Each structure stands twice: as C-alpha cells, then as structure tokens.
Amino acid sequence: MDLTITTMIVVLVIVVLGFTLVVVKWGLAHEEKRLALKASGGADFQRMEQVLAATQAEMVNLRERVQVLEKLATDDDRKLASDIERLRSQETMRG
C-alpha cells in the first residue's frame, strides 16, 4: 500500500511538471506576442499584459504545488498522512 501511494504521488508530480511545461510554453508565446504588439504599437497591448500577468501568477502557483508534491514524495510515511490531511483542509478552506 505504501508503494501504491508513493507511485501515485510520483505520477502526480510528473503530470504537474508536464502541465507546468505547457504553461511555461504558453507564457513564452504570450511574451513573444506582447513584444510584437509593443513594437507595432497595437491596441491589444494592455490586454496581453494582463494575460501574461495571469499566466505568470499561475506558474508561481504551480511551482509551489510541485514543491509540495516533491516534499510529499520524498518524506517518510508518518509525516505523509498528516501533510495530505493539511493540504485537504487548506483546499476545503479555499473552495
């Protein structure tokens, strides 16, 4: 059972890292568009700035979650259960 939980956490970390890579690629694409709009003086420049800021905030959030998942994946079993419960209670409070 411990191996199953560890395996699930490792798989989750891999999925989150993959998603983070996609978000980073989106962020880079947005930055390129922002620079192109800025150079051309386009009217959508402010909107692109807002989209980029939202993307960057999401990347920060995802990085924090990955750090937590990495910690959970490398921590000992007795601390793992308490951390999972703490995260569940935090998620309940946010929702």
N, C-alpha and C. Protein backbone atom coordinates (compact mmCIF):
# COMPACT_ATOMS: atom_id res chain seq x y z
N MET A 1 0.82 -1.19 0.00
CA MET A 1 0.00 0.00 0.00
C MET A 1 0.86 1.25 0.00
N ASP A 2 1.96 1.25 0.76
CA ASP A 2 2.84 2.40 0.79
C ASP A 2 3.45 2.66 -0.58
N LEU A 3 3.77 1.58 -1.29
CA LEU A 3 4.33 1.70 -2.62
C LEU A 3 3.31 2.30 -3.57
N THR A 4 2.04 1.95 -3.41
CA THR A 4 0.98 2.49 -4.25
C THR A 4 0.85 3.99 -4.05
N ILE A 5 0.86 4.45 -2.83
CA ILE A 5 0.74 5.88 -2.54
C ILE A 5 1.95 6.62 -3.10
N THR A 6 3.12 6.07 -2.90
CA THR A 6 4.33 6.70 -3.41
C THR A 6 4.29 6.76 -4.93
N THR A 7 3.86 5.68 -5.56
CA THR A 7 3.76 5.64 -7.02
C THR A 7 2.76 6.68 -7.51
N MET A 8 1.64 6.79 -6.85
CA MET A 8 0.63 7.78 -7.23
C MET A 8 1.19 9.19 -7.11
N ILE A 9 1.92 9.45 -6.05
CA ILE A 9 2.48 10.78 -5.85
C ILE A 9 3.52 11.08 -6.93
N VAL A 10 4.35 10.11 -7.24
CA VAL A 10 5.36 10.31 -8.28
C VAL A 10 4.69 10.58 -9.62
N VAL A 11 3.65 9.83 -9.95
CA VAL A 11 2.92 10.04 -11.19
C VAL A 11 2.29 11.43 -11.19
N LEU A 12 1.73 11.84 -10.07
CA LEU A 12 1.12 13.17 -9.96
C LEU A 12 2.17 14.26 -10.16
N VAL A 13 3.34 14.08 -9.58
CA VAL A 13 4.42 15.05 -9.75
C VAL A 13 4.79 15.15 -11.23
N ILE A 14 4.88 14.02 -11.91
CA ILE A 14 5.22 14.02 -13.33
C ILE A 14 4.15 14.75 -14.14
N VAL A 15 2.89 14.50 -13.83
CA VAL A 15 1.79 15.17 -14.54
C VAL A 15 1.85 16.68 -14.30
N VAL A 16 2.06 17.07 -13.05
CA VAL A 16 2.12 18.50 -12.73
C VAL A 16 3.31 19.15 -13.44
N LEU A 17 4.45 18.47 -13.47
CA LEU A 17 5.61 19.02 -14.17
C LEU A 17 5.32 19.16 -15.67
N GLY A 18 4.63 18.18 -16.24
CA GLY A 18 4.25 18.27 -17.65
C GLY A 18 3.34 19.45 -17.90
N PHE A 19 2.36 19.63 -17.02
CA PHE A 19 1.45 20.76 -17.16
C PHE A 19 2.20 22.09 -16.98
N THR A 20 3.15 22.10 -16.06
CA THR A 20 3.95 23.31 -15.84
C THR A 20 4.73 23.65 -17.10
N LEU A 21 5.27 22.65 -17.78
CA LEU A 21 5.98 22.88 -19.03
C LEU A 21 5.06 23.51 -20.06
N VAL A 22 3.83 23.03 -20.16
CA VAL A 22 2.86 23.59 -21.10
C VAL A 22 2.58 25.05 -20.75
N VAL A 23 2.39 25.34 -19.47
CA VAL A 23 2.11 26.72 -19.04
C VAL A 23 3.30 27.62 -19.35
N VAL A 24 4.51 27.12 -19.14
CA VAL A 24 5.70 27.91 -19.45
C VAL A 24 5.76 28.21 -20.94
N LYS A 25 5.44 27.22 -21.76
CA LYS A 25 5.43 27.43 -23.21
C LYS A 25 4.39 28.49 -23.58
N TRP A 26 3.21 28.42 -22.94
CA TRP A 26 2.20 29.44 -23.18
C TRP A 26 2.72 30.81 -22.79
N GLY A 27 3.38 30.86 -21.65
CA GLY A 27 3.93 32.14 -21.18
C GLY A 27 4.95 32.70 -22.16
N LEU A 28 5.79 31.85 -22.69
CA LEU A 28 6.77 32.31 -23.67
C LEU A 28 6.09 32.80 -24.94
N ALA A 29 5.06 32.09 -25.37
CA ALA A 29 4.32 32.51 -26.56
C ALA A 29 3.66 33.87 -26.32
N HIS A 30 3.10 34.04 -25.11
CA HIS A 30 2.48 35.33 -24.78
C HIS A 30 3.51 36.44 -24.74
N GLU A 31 4.68 36.15 -24.22
CA GLU A 31 5.73 37.16 -24.15
C GLU A 31 6.16 37.58 -25.56
N GLU A 32 6.29 36.62 -26.46
CA GLU A 32 6.64 36.94 -27.84
C GLU A 32 5.56 37.82 -28.48
N LYS A 33 4.29 37.47 -28.26
CA LYS A 33 3.20 38.27 -28.81
C LYS A 33 3.19 39.67 -28.21
N ARG A 34 3.47 39.74 -26.89
CA ARG A 34 3.50 41.03 -26.21
C ARG A 34 4.57 41.92 -26.81
N LEU A 35 5.75 41.36 -27.03
CA LEU A 35 6.83 42.15 -27.61
C LEU A 35 6.49 42.59 -29.03
N ALA A 36 5.85 41.72 -29.80
CA ALA A 36 5.46 42.09 -31.16
C ALA A 36 4.41 43.19 -31.15
N LEU A 37 3.43 43.08 -30.23
CA LEU A 37 2.41 44.13 -30.13
C LEU A 37 3.00 45.45 -29.66
N LYS A 38 3.91 45.36 -28.73
CA LYS A 38 4.55 46.57 -28.21
C LYS A 38 5.34 47.27 -29.31
N ALA A 39 6.04 46.48 -30.11
CA ALA A 39 6.83 47.04 -31.20
C ALA A 39 5.94 47.69 -32.26
N SER A 40 4.77 47.10 -32.50
CA SER A 40 3.88 47.64 -33.52
C SER A 40 2.91 48.68 -32.97
N GLY A 41 2.92 48.86 -31.63
CA GLY A 41 2.02 49.85 -31.02
C GLY A 41 0.57 49.43 -31.06
N GLY A 42 0.29 48.13 -31.01
CA GLY A 42 -1.07 47.61 -31.11
C GLY A 42 -1.95 48.00 -29.93
N ALA A 43 -3.26 48.06 -30.18
CA ALA A 43 -4.23 48.44 -29.14
C ALA A 43 -4.43 47.33 -28.11
N ASP A 44 -4.05 46.10 -28.44
CA ASP A 44 -4.25 44.97 -27.54
C ASP A 44 -3.10 44.77 -26.56
N PHE A 45 -2.19 45.71 -26.53
CA PHE A 45 -1.01 45.55 -25.69
C PHE A 45 -1.37 45.39 -24.21
N GLN A 46 -2.28 46.22 -23.70
CA GLN A 46 -2.66 46.12 -22.28
C GLN A 46 -3.33 44.79 -21.99
N ARG A 47 -4.15 44.32 -22.88
CA ARG A 47 -4.82 43.02 -22.68
C ARG A 47 -3.77 41.91 -22.63
N MET A 48 -2.79 41.96 -23.48
CA MET A 48 -1.74 40.95 -23.46
C MET A 48 -0.94 41.03 -22.17
N GLU A 49 -0.73 42.23 -21.65
CA GLU A 49 -0.05 42.39 -20.37
C GLU A 49 -0.83 41.69 -19.26
N GLN A 50 -2.15 41.83 -19.27
CA GLN A 50 -3.00 41.19 -18.27
C GLN A 50 -2.94 39.67 -18.39
N VAL A 51 -2.98 39.17 -19.61
CA VAL A 51 -2.91 37.73 -19.83
C VAL A 51 -1.57 37.19 -19.37
N LEU A 52 -0.51 37.91 -19.66
CA LEU A 52 0.82 37.49 -19.24
C LEU A 52 0.93 37.48 -17.72
N ALA A 53 0.40 38.50 -17.06
CA ALA A 53 0.44 38.55 -15.60
C ALA A 53 -0.33 37.38 -14.99
N ALA A 54 -1.48 37.04 -15.57
CA ALA A 54 -2.27 35.92 -15.08
C ALA A 54 -1.51 34.60 -15.29
N THR A 55 -0.85 34.47 -16.42
CA THR A 55 -0.08 33.26 -16.71
C THR A 55 1.08 33.12 -15.74
N GLN A 56 1.76 34.22 -15.47
CA GLN A 56 2.88 34.18 -14.53
C GLN A 56 2.41 33.83 -13.12
N ALA A 57 1.26 34.36 -12.71
CA ALA A 57 0.73 34.03 -11.39
C ALA A 57 0.39 32.55 -11.31
N GLU A 58 -0.17 32.00 -12.36
CA GLU A 58 -0.49 30.57 -12.39
C GLU A 58 0.78 29.72 -12.33
N MET A 59 1.83 30.17 -13.00
CA MET A 59 3.10 29.44 -12.96
C MET A 59 3.67 29.42 -11.55
N VAL A 60 3.58 30.53 -10.85
CA VAL A 60 4.06 30.59 -9.46
C VAL A 60 3.27 29.60 -8.61
N ASN A 61 1.95 29.59 -8.78
CA ASN A 61 1.10 28.67 -8.04
C ASN A 61 1.47 27.22 -8.33
N LEU A 62 1.68 26.90 -9.60
CA LEU A 62 2.04 25.53 -9.97
C LEU A 62 3.41 25.14 -9.42
N ARG A 63 4.35 26.06 -9.42
CA ARG A 63 5.67 25.76 -8.85
C ARG A 63 5.56 25.44 -7.37
N GLU A 64 4.73 26.21 -6.65
CA GLU A 64 4.54 25.95 -5.23
C GLU A 64 3.93 24.57 -5.01
N ARG A 65 2.97 24.21 -5.83
CA ARG A 65 2.33 22.90 -5.68
C ARG A 65 3.30 21.77 -5.99
N VAL A 66 4.14 21.96 -7.00
CA VAL A 66 5.15 20.95 -7.33
C VAL A 66 6.11 20.78 -6.17
N GLN A 67 6.52 21.87 -5.54
CA GLN A 67 7.41 21.77 -4.39
C GLN A 67 6.78 20.96 -3.28
N VAL A 68 5.50 21.18 -3.04
CA VAL A 68 4.80 20.42 -2.00
C VAL A 68 4.76 18.94 -2.38
N LEU A 69 4.43 18.65 -3.64
CA LEU A 69 4.37 17.26 -4.09
C LEU A 69 5.73 16.58 -4.02
N GLU A 70 6.78 17.30 -4.36
CA GLU A 70 8.13 16.73 -4.26
C GLU A 70 8.45 16.41 -2.81
N LYS A 71 8.08 17.31 -1.92
CA LYS A 71 8.33 17.07 -0.49
C LYS A 71 7.56 15.84 -0.02
N LEU A 72 6.29 15.75 -0.43
CA LEU A 72 5.48 14.59 -0.04
C LEU A 72 6.06 13.29 -0.59
N ALA A 73 6.57 13.33 -1.81
CA ALA A 73 7.09 12.12 -2.43
C ALA A 73 8.38 11.64 -1.76
N THR A 74 9.12 12.55 -1.13
CA THR A 74 10.39 12.17 -0.52
C THR A 74 10.33 12.09 0.99
N ASP A 75 9.20 12.40 1.58
CA ASP A 75 9.06 12.41 3.03
C ASP A 75 8.74 11.01 3.56
N ASP A 76 8.93 10.80 4.85
CA ASP A 76 8.62 9.49 5.43
C ASP A 76 7.10 9.32 5.59
N ASP A 77 6.67 8.08 5.75
CA ASP A 77 5.24 7.74 5.73
C ASP A 77 4.43 8.40 6.83
N ARG A 78 4.96 8.49 8.02
CA ARG A 78 4.14 9.04 9.11
C ARG A 78 3.85 10.52 8.92
N LYS A 79 4.76 11.24 8.28
CA LYS A 79 4.53 12.66 8.03
C LYS A 79 3.65 12.84 6.80
N LEU A 80 3.70 11.90 5.89
CA LEU A 80 2.94 11.97 4.66
C LEU A 80 1.44 12.10 4.92
N ALA A 81 0.91 11.28 5.77
CA ALA A 81 -0.52 11.31 6.06
C ALA A 81 -0.94 12.65 6.64
N SER A 82 -0.16 13.19 7.56
CA SER A 82 -0.53 14.48 8.15
C SER A 82 -0.45 15.61 7.14
N ASP A 83 0.54 15.57 6.24
CA ASP A 83 0.64 16.60 5.20
C ASP A 83 -0.53 16.54 4.24
N ILE A 84 -0.93 15.33 3.88
CA ILE A 84 -2.08 15.19 2.98
C ILE A 84 -3.33 15.75 3.63
N GLU A 85 -3.54 15.45 4.88
CA GLU A 85 -4.71 15.99 5.59
C GLU A 85 -4.65 17.51 5.69
N ARG A 86 -3.47 18.06 5.92
CA ARG A 86 -3.31 19.52 6.00
C ARG A 86 -3.64 20.14 4.65
N LEU A 87 -3.18 19.54 3.57
CA LEU A 87 -3.48 20.06 2.24
C LEU A 87 -4.97 19.97 1.91
N ARG A 88 -5.60 18.88 2.34
CA ARG A 88 -7.04 18.74 2.12
C ARG A 88 -7.81 19.84 2.86
N SER A 89 -7.41 20.10 4.09
CA SER A 89 -8.11 21.14 4.86
C SER A 89 -7.88 22.51 4.27
N GLN A 90 -6.70 22.77 3.72
CA GLN A 90 -6.43 24.05 3.07
C GLN A 90 -7.27 24.17 1.81
N GLU A 91 -7.38 23.10 1.05
CA GLU A 91 -8.17 23.11 -0.18
C GLU A 91 -9.65 23.33 0.14
N THR A 92 -10.12 22.74 1.23
CA THR A 92 -11.51 22.93 1.65
C THR A 92 -11.75 24.38 2.03
N MET A 93 -10.78 24.98 2.69
CA MET A 93 -10.91 26.37 3.11
C MET A 93 -10.92 27.31 1.92
N ARG A 94 -10.17 27.00 0.85
CA ARG A 94 -10.12 27.84 -0.34
C ARG A 94 -11.42 27.74 -1.13
N GLY A 95 -11.96 26.51 -1.19
CA GLY A 95 -13.13 26.24 -2.02
C GLY A 95 -14.34 26.88 -1.50
